[in-house]
Amino acid sequence: MTLTVNELLCTHGNFHLRVNLTVSPGEFLSVIGPSGCGKSTLLRMVAGLEEAQGGSIMLKGREISHEPPERRGIGLVFQDYALFPHLRVADNVAYGLKLQKVGRREREIRVRELLSLVRMTDRADAFPSTLSGGEQQRVALARAIAPNPSVLLLDEPLSALDARLRLDLRRQIREIHDRLSLTTLYVTHDQEEALTLSDRIALMREGAILQTGSPRDLYERPDHLFTGTFLGLSNTFSGRVEKGWFLSMHGEAVVKIRGEDGPGTLLFRPHHVRLHEKGEGLPFQVTRVEYCGGWSLVHGVAGGHEVVVFDSRQTSWMKGQHGRMEIEAAGAILFPG
């Protein structure tokens, strides 16, 4: 079911939100951005928990901006689970079905199906207080999709979980989305979640959508310097373009680049850098090495800037070591000005 947000407006003091956004049928779209950019406010307005001050929200071609939450046909999963503590797991999942006046037999079948889907069948009679955080969030997910919503909204559902649980539940959310072909709008501040879960990402900044596209588009072809630096690890050099070369602020030749002569900022990812003990390239000094398992991040200084380099091997670089740094021209992005 297509969800279309058109010129949606909200003002709180000095904060102004104006958003245009479309989520296609069966699409998983994540909204990401820094704290206070308006991600959760957007989600709450779509859900009907906060009133928009202008614009429209269309669902299946129907204007729902002024409808109460229970009539919008939207499922919502909160960050803090929001389960009913006095109801058992099965009754929590059945809650929306009861509001729809679904018959008891049909309701029981639906609840069993959903508990199996989220792997909670053996906890059907448990109370929320006896569940782990990950289990509670799986129950919240099952409750949200029980009434067959037209759109599923998730507001940072994994932020309260530890790293391993986040990874497991992240996979499960995507599996359920694919199995049920749910139209999903997902709000997160976690870049890795957005990159791995999404069909498309909408990056917000100061109440507006700055760029929308596939995870690969935003990561590899950012339209704005903010997009490139916000999404994933990146390096930036201030300098200028002269005769097809980007020069550092110290006048050192950094990399061949296409662009008109003049000042600018060069952005490149850690995996687009090669380190050598000798040879061509910028002088590089290692300041720190982070061991990350099967790979390492080598931090250093080159061209008057801090740099981080991805090393897929068991790195031999050590703090204080000197070498040379080369940037792959294909991975260098110039932002003029």
Protein backbone atom coordinates (compact mmCIF):
# COMPACT_ATOMS: atom_id res chain seq x y z
CA MET A 1 0.00 0.00 0.00
CA THR A 2 1.48 3.36 -1.02
CA LEU A 3 2.07 5.88 1.76
CA THR A 4 2.53 9.46 0.57
CA VAL A 5 3.48 12.37 2.80
CA ASN A 6 3.05 15.71 1.03
CA GLU A 7 4.28 19.03 2.47
CA LEU A 8 3.72 17.74 6.00
CA LEU A 9 4.29 20.61 8.44
CA CYS A 10 5.06 20.82 12.14
CA THR A 11 6.50 23.65 14.25
CA HIS A 12 7.77 23.47 17.82
CA GLY A 13 9.39 26.72 18.95
CA ASN A 14 12.34 27.28 16.64
CA PHE A 15 12.06 23.81 15.07
CA HIS A 16 10.29 23.58 11.70
CA LEU A 17 9.54 20.33 9.90
CA ARG A 18 8.46 20.15 6.26
CA VAL A 19 8.57 16.72 4.65
CA ASN A 20 7.68 15.13 1.31
CA LEU A 21 8.08 11.35 1.22
CA THR A 22 6.62 8.32 -0.55
CA VAL A 23 6.86 4.70 0.57
CA SER A 24 5.95 2.28 -2.21
CA PRO A 25 3.92 -0.91 -1.69
CA GLY A 26 6.04 -3.58 -0.02
CA GLU A 27 9.02 -1.24 0.36
CA PHE A 28 11.24 -1.03 3.42
CA LEU A 29 12.21 2.64 3.79
CA SER A 30 14.35 3.86 6.67
CA VAL A 31 14.46 7.45 7.90
CA ILE A 32 17.80 8.32 9.45
CA GLY A 33 19.39 11.49 10.73
CA PRO A 34 20.95 13.14 13.78
CA SER A 35 19.08 13.56 17.05
CA GLY A 36 16.46 16.30 16.89
CA CYS A 37 16.13 16.30 13.10
CA GLY A 38 12.44 15.29 13.21
CA LYS A 39 12.51 11.54 12.50
CA SER A 40 10.24 10.47 15.35
CA THR A 41 8.01 13.52 14.92
CA LEU A 42 7.40 12.47 11.31
CA LEU A 43 6.55 8.93 12.40
CA ARG A 44 4.19 10.12 15.13
CA MET A 45 2.33 12.36 12.69
CA VAL A 46 1.91 9.48 10.23
CA ALA A 47 0.64 7.29 13.07
CA GLY A 48 -1.79 9.99 14.25
CA LEU A 49 -0.15 10.43 17.65
CA GLU A 50 0.80 14.02 16.84
CA GLU A 51 -1.24 16.45 14.78
CA ALA A 52 0.26 17.92 11.62
CA GLN A 53 -0.10 21.65 11.13
CA GLY A 54 -0.34 21.38 7.39
CA GLY A 55 0.08 19.09 4.42
CA SER A 56 -1.43 15.68 3.81
CA ILE A 57 -0.90 11.99 4.53
CA MET A 58 -2.29 9.67 1.89
CA LEU A 59 -2.64 5.91 2.33
CA LYS A 60 -3.96 3.86 -0.58
CA GLY A 61 -5.16 7.15 -2.08
CA ARG A 62 -7.13 8.00 1.07
CA GLU A 63 -6.46 11.13 3.08
CA ILE A 64 -5.85 10.04 6.69
CA SER A 65 -4.35 13.22 8.18
CA HIS A 66 -7.41 13.93 10.30
CA GLU A 67 -8.40 10.35 11.16
CA PRO A 68 -7.78 8.97 14.67
CA PRO A 69 -4.90 6.46 15.01
CA GLU A 70 -7.16 3.43 15.33
CA ARG A 71 -8.80 4.13 11.97
CA ARG A 72 -5.65 4.65 9.92
CA GLY A 73 -4.80 0.99 9.38
CA ILE A 74 -1.27 1.47 10.65
CA GLY A 75 0.80 -0.78 12.93
CA LEU A 76 3.32 0.83 15.26
CA VAL A 77 6.28 -0.63 17.16
CA PHE A 78 7.80 1.61 19.83
CA GLN A 79 11.32 1.75 21.19
CA ASP A 80 10.13 0.84 24.70
CA TYR A 81 7.93 -2.13 23.64
CA ALA A 82 4.73 -0.65 25.27
CA LEU A 83 3.28 -4.07 26.05
CA PHE A 84 0.32 -4.38 28.39
CA PRO A 85 1.93 -5.70 31.61
CA HIS A 86 -1.29 -7.31 32.92
CA LEU A 87 -1.85 -9.35 29.75
CA ARG A 88 -0.08 -12.54 28.77
CA VAL A 89 1.91 -12.69 25.54
CA ALA A 90 -0.92 -14.26 23.51
CA ASP A 91 -3.42 -11.70 24.80
CA ASN A 92 -1.07 -8.83 23.94
CA VAL A 93 -0.84 -10.10 20.36
CA ALA A 94 -4.61 -10.60 20.18
CA TYR A 95 -5.43 -7.10 21.44
CA GLY A 96 -5.82 -5.42 18.03
CA LEU A 97 -7.81 -8.38 16.71
CA LYS A 98 -10.30 -8.00 19.56
CA LEU A 99 -10.74 -4.32 18.69
CA GLN A 100 -11.52 -5.44 15.14
CA LYS A 101 -14.08 -7.87 16.60
CA VAL A 102 -12.39 -10.87 15.00
CA GLY A 103 -14.01 -14.13 16.12
CA ARG A 104 -12.35 -16.16 18.87
CA ARG A 105 -11.43 -19.15 16.70
CA GLU A 106 -9.95 -16.99 13.92
CA ARG A 107 -8.19 -14.87 16.53
CA GLU A 108 -6.53 -17.87 18.14
CA ILE A 109 -5.30 -19.16 14.77
CA ARG A 110 -3.87 -15.75 13.88
CA VAL A 111 -2.10 -15.42 17.24
CA ARG A 112 -0.54 -18.87 16.90
CA GLU A 113 0.70 -18.03 13.39
CA LEU A 114 2.28 -14.79 14.54
CA LEU A 115 3.88 -16.25 17.65
CA SER A 116 5.42 -18.93 15.43
CA LEU A 117 6.60 -16.22 13.02
CA VAL A 118 8.44 -14.33 15.79
CA ARG A 119 9.58 -17.55 17.49
CA MET A 120 7.62 -16.98 20.71
CA THR A 121 5.22 -19.94 20.68
CA ASP A 122 6.65 -21.39 23.88
CA ARG A 123 6.09 -18.08 25.73
CA ALA A 124 2.43 -17.59 24.82
CA ASP A 125 1.27 -17.75 28.46
CA ALA A 126 4.10 -15.65 29.92
CA PHE A 127 3.70 -12.11 31.23
CA PRO A 128 5.87 -9.33 29.73
CA SER A 129 7.79 -8.85 32.98
CA THR A 130 9.29 -12.35 32.61
CA LEU A 131 10.60 -11.72 29.09
CA SER A 132 13.96 -10.39 27.94
CA GLY A 133 14.13 -7.14 25.99
CA GLY A 134 14.47 -8.97 22.71
CA GLU A 135 11.50 -11.22 23.49
CA GLN A 136 9.35 -8.23 24.43
CA GLN A 137 10.19 -6.50 21.18
CA ARG A 138 9.27 -9.62 19.19
CA VAL A 139 5.90 -9.69 20.94
CA ALA A 140 5.44 -5.98 20.17
CA LEU A 141 6.19 -6.70 16.52
CA ALA A 142 3.68 -9.55 16.41
CA ARG A 143 1.02 -7.35 18.07
CA ALA A 144 1.61 -4.57 15.53
CA ILE A 145 1.17 -6.81 12.48
CA ALA A 146 -1.69 -8.92 13.88
CA PRO A 147 -4.49 -6.70 12.48
CA ASN A 148 -2.93 -6.78 8.97
CA PRO A 149 -1.98 -3.08 8.87
CA SER A 150 -1.54 -1.31 5.54
CA VAL A 151 1.73 0.18 6.79
CA LEU A 152 4.09 -0.82 9.59
CA LEU A 153 5.91 1.96 11.46
CA LEU A 154 8.91 1.21 13.67
CA ASP A 155 10.40 3.91 15.90
CA GLU A 156 13.99 2.95 16.80
CA PRO A 157 12.80 -0.52 17.92
CA LEU A 158 16.29 -1.93 18.55
CA SER A 159 18.02 0.93 20.35
CA ALA A 160 17.37 -0.46 23.85
CA LEU A 161 18.86 -3.88 23.06
CA ASP A 162 22.44 -5.09 23.34
CA ALA A 163 24.55 -5.58 20.21
CA ARG A 164 23.91 -9.31 19.71
CA LEU A 165 20.15 -8.99 20.22
CA ARG A 166 20.03 -6.02 17.82
CA LEU A 167 21.70 -8.10 15.14
CA ASP A 168 19.37 -11.10 15.62
CA LEU A 169 16.18 -9.04 15.72
CA ARG A 170 17.31 -6.91 12.78
CA ARG A 171 17.52 -10.02 10.64
CA GLN A 172 14.15 -11.19 11.88
CA ILE A 173 12.45 -7.88 11.12
CA ARG A 174 13.67 -8.02 7.53
CA GLU A 175 12.66 -11.69 7.16
CA ILE A 176 9.14 -10.91 8.40
CA HIS A 177 8.92 -7.89 6.12
CA ASP A 178 9.88 -9.99 3.10
CA ARG A 179 7.55 -12.84 4.00
CA LEU A 180 4.52 -10.60 4.50
CA SER A 181 5.42 -7.94 1.88
CA LEU A 182 4.83 -5.22 4.45
CA THR A 183 5.05 -1.57 3.49
CA THR A 184 7.44 -0.40 6.21
CA LEU A 185 8.64 2.98 7.47
CA TYR A 186 11.52 2.52 9.91
CA VAL A 187 13.09 5.28 12.00
CA THR A 188 16.62 4.78 13.32
CA HIS A 189 19.76 6.67 14.26
CA ASP A 190 21.86 3.57 13.60
CA GLN A 191 23.65 3.78 10.24
CA GLU A 192 24.34 0.05 10.05
CA GLU A 193 20.66 -0.75 10.58
CA ALA A 194 19.65 1.62 7.81
CA LEU A 195 22.26 0.29 5.37
CA THR A 196 21.52 -3.41 5.95
CA LEU A 197 17.73 -3.33 6.36
CA SER A 198 16.51 -0.84 3.80
CA ASP A 199 15.40 -0.85 0.20
CA ARG A 200 15.74 2.93 0.37
CA ILE A 201 16.99 5.44 2.93
CA ALA A 202 15.71 8.97 3.53
CA LEU A 203 18.29 11.12 5.29
CA MET A 204 16.82 13.94 7.38
CA ARG A 205 18.49 17.11 8.54
CA GLU A 206 16.89 19.99 10.44
CA GLY A 207 13.30 18.97 9.68
CA ALA A 208 13.69 18.18 5.97
CA ILE A 209 14.63 15.23 3.77
CA LEU A 210 18.11 15.96 2.43
CA GLN A 211 18.54 12.93 0.17
CA THR A 212 16.62 9.74 -0.64
CA GLY A 213 17.95 6.69 -2.44
CA SER A 214 19.18 3.13 -2.12
CA PRO A 215 21.74 2.41 0.60
CA ARG A 216 24.40 2.06 -2.10
CA ASP A 217 23.43 5.39 -3.69
CA LEU A 218 23.68 7.33 -0.44
CA TYR A 219 26.91 5.65 0.61
CA GLU A 220 28.77 5.69 -2.70
CA ARG A 221 27.16 8.69 -4.44
CA PRO A 222 26.15 11.24 -1.79
CA ASP A 223 24.64 14.47 -3.14
CA HIS A 224 25.80 16.43 -0.12
CA LEU A 225 28.90 16.45 2.04
CA PHE A 226 26.64 15.95 5.07
CA THR A 227 25.27 12.72 3.56
CA GLY A 228 28.76 11.37 2.95
CA THR A 229 30.04 12.18 6.43
CA PHE A 230 26.90 11.08 8.28
CA LEU A 231 26.41 7.69 6.65
CA GLY A 232 29.33 5.37 7.32
CA LEU A 233 32.99 6.04 8.05
CA SER A 234 34.55 8.71 5.87
CA ASN A 235 37.60 10.95 5.47
CA THR A 236 37.52 14.58 4.38
CA PHE A 237 40.30 16.86 3.16
CA SER A 238 39.98 20.62 2.79
CA GLY A 239 41.92 22.05 -0.12
CA ARG A 240 41.53 23.10 -3.72
CA VAL A 241 41.50 21.78 -7.28
CA GLU A 242 44.26 22.88 -9.62
CA LYS A 243 44.80 21.52 -13.14
CA GLY A 244 43.08 18.19 -12.47
CA TRP A 245 44.63 17.57 -9.05
CA PHE A 246 43.20 18.02 -5.58
CA LEU A 247 45.75 19.75 -3.38
CA SER A 248 45.74 19.60 0.41
CA MET A 249 45.64 22.78 2.46
CA HIS A 250 49.45 22.44 2.63
CA GLY A 251 49.66 22.36 -1.18
CA GLU A 252 50.44 18.63 -1.47
CA ALA A 253 49.03 16.70 -4.46
CA VAL A 254 46.44 14.30 -3.01
CA VAL A 255 44.65 12.64 -5.96
CA LYS A 256 43.65 13.27 -9.56
CA ILE A 257 40.12 14.61 -9.65
CA ARG A 258 37.58 15.94 -12.14
CA GLY A 259 36.32 19.40 -11.34
CA GLU A 260 36.81 23.07 -11.97
CA ASP A 261 39.72 24.82 -10.35
CA GLY A 262 38.88 26.31 -6.97
CA PRO A 263 38.38 25.46 -3.29
CA GLY A 264 36.55 22.36 -2.19
CA THR A 265 36.32 19.39 0.13
CA LEU A 266 37.41 15.88 -0.84
CA LEU A 267 35.53 12.92 0.63
CA PHE A 268 36.78 9.34 0.47
CA ARG A 269 36.01 6.13 2.36
CA PRO A 270 38.51 4.14 4.47
CA HIS A 271 38.48 1.26 1.95
CA HIS A 272 39.56 3.60 -0.87
CA VAL A 273 42.95 4.19 0.76
CA ARG A 274 46.13 2.13 0.38
CA LEU A 275 49.05 2.33 2.78
CA HIS A 276 52.65 1.60 1.75
CA GLU A 277 55.86 1.64 3.73
CA LYS A 278 57.63 3.41 0.85
CA GLY A 279 56.86 4.88 -2.54
CA GLU A 280 54.43 7.45 -3.86
CA GLY A 281 51.63 9.17 -1.99
CA LEU A 282 51.17 11.47 0.95
CA PRO A 283 53.36 11.05 4.03
CA PHE A 284 51.30 9.19 6.64
CA GLN A 285 51.90 8.64 10.35
CA VAL A 286 49.94 6.05 12.35
CA THR A 287 48.36 7.39 15.53
CA ARG A 288 46.23 4.42 16.56
CA VAL A 289 45.23 0.93 15.39
CA GLU A 290 41.83 -0.61 16.14
CA TYR A 291 41.68 -4.39 15.87
CA CYS A 292 38.16 -5.40 14.80
CA GLY A 293 38.49 -9.16 14.36
CA GLY A 294 39.32 -10.17 10.79
CA TRP A 295 40.19 -6.60 9.87
CA SER A 296 41.61 -3.41 11.39
CA LEU A 297 41.13 0.35 11.26
CA VAL A 298 44.40 2.23 11.01
CA HIS A 299 44.13 5.85 12.21
CA GLY A 300 46.71 8.40 11.22
CA VAL A 301 47.58 11.87 10.00
CA ALA A 302 48.25 12.89 6.39
CA GLY A 303 48.06 16.18 4.55
CA GLY A 304 47.22 18.00 7.76
CA HIS A 305 44.10 15.87 8.33
CA GLU A 306 43.15 12.89 10.45
CA VAL A 307 42.57 9.79 8.33
CA VAL A 308 41.16 6.32 8.98
CA VAL A 309 42.11 3.42 6.70
CA PHE A 310 40.49 0.00 6.37
CA ASP A 311 43.00 -2.88 6.43
CA SER A 312 41.48 -6.26 5.65
CA ARG A 313 44.55 -8.18 6.70
CA GLN A 314 45.97 -8.79 10.15
CA THR A 315 47.66 -5.42 10.00
CA SER A 316 51.35 -4.91 10.64
CA TRP A 317 50.98 -1.16 11.13
CA MET A 318 51.80 0.16 14.59
CA LYS A 319 51.37 3.44 16.43
CA GLY A 320 54.07 5.95 15.49
CA GLN A 321 54.99 4.20 12.25
CA HIS A 322 55.53 6.29 9.09
CA GLY A 323 54.46 5.36 5.59
CA ARG A 324 52.76 6.59 2.44
CA MET A 325 49.06 6.91 1.67
CA GLU A 326 47.39 6.66 -1.75
CA ILE A 327 43.72 7.41 -2.45
CA GLU A 328 41.90 5.56 -5.24
CA ALA A 329 40.71 8.19 -7.71
CA ALA A 330 37.49 6.24 -8.38
CA GLY A 331 36.51 6.53 -4.72
CA ALA A 332 37.24 10.25 -4.32
CA ILE A 333 34.24 12.62 -4.34
CA LEU A 334 34.66 16.38 -4.69
CA PHE A 335 32.31 18.88 -3.11
CA PRO A 336 33.17 22.35 -4.50
CA GLY A 337 33.16 25.47 -2.36
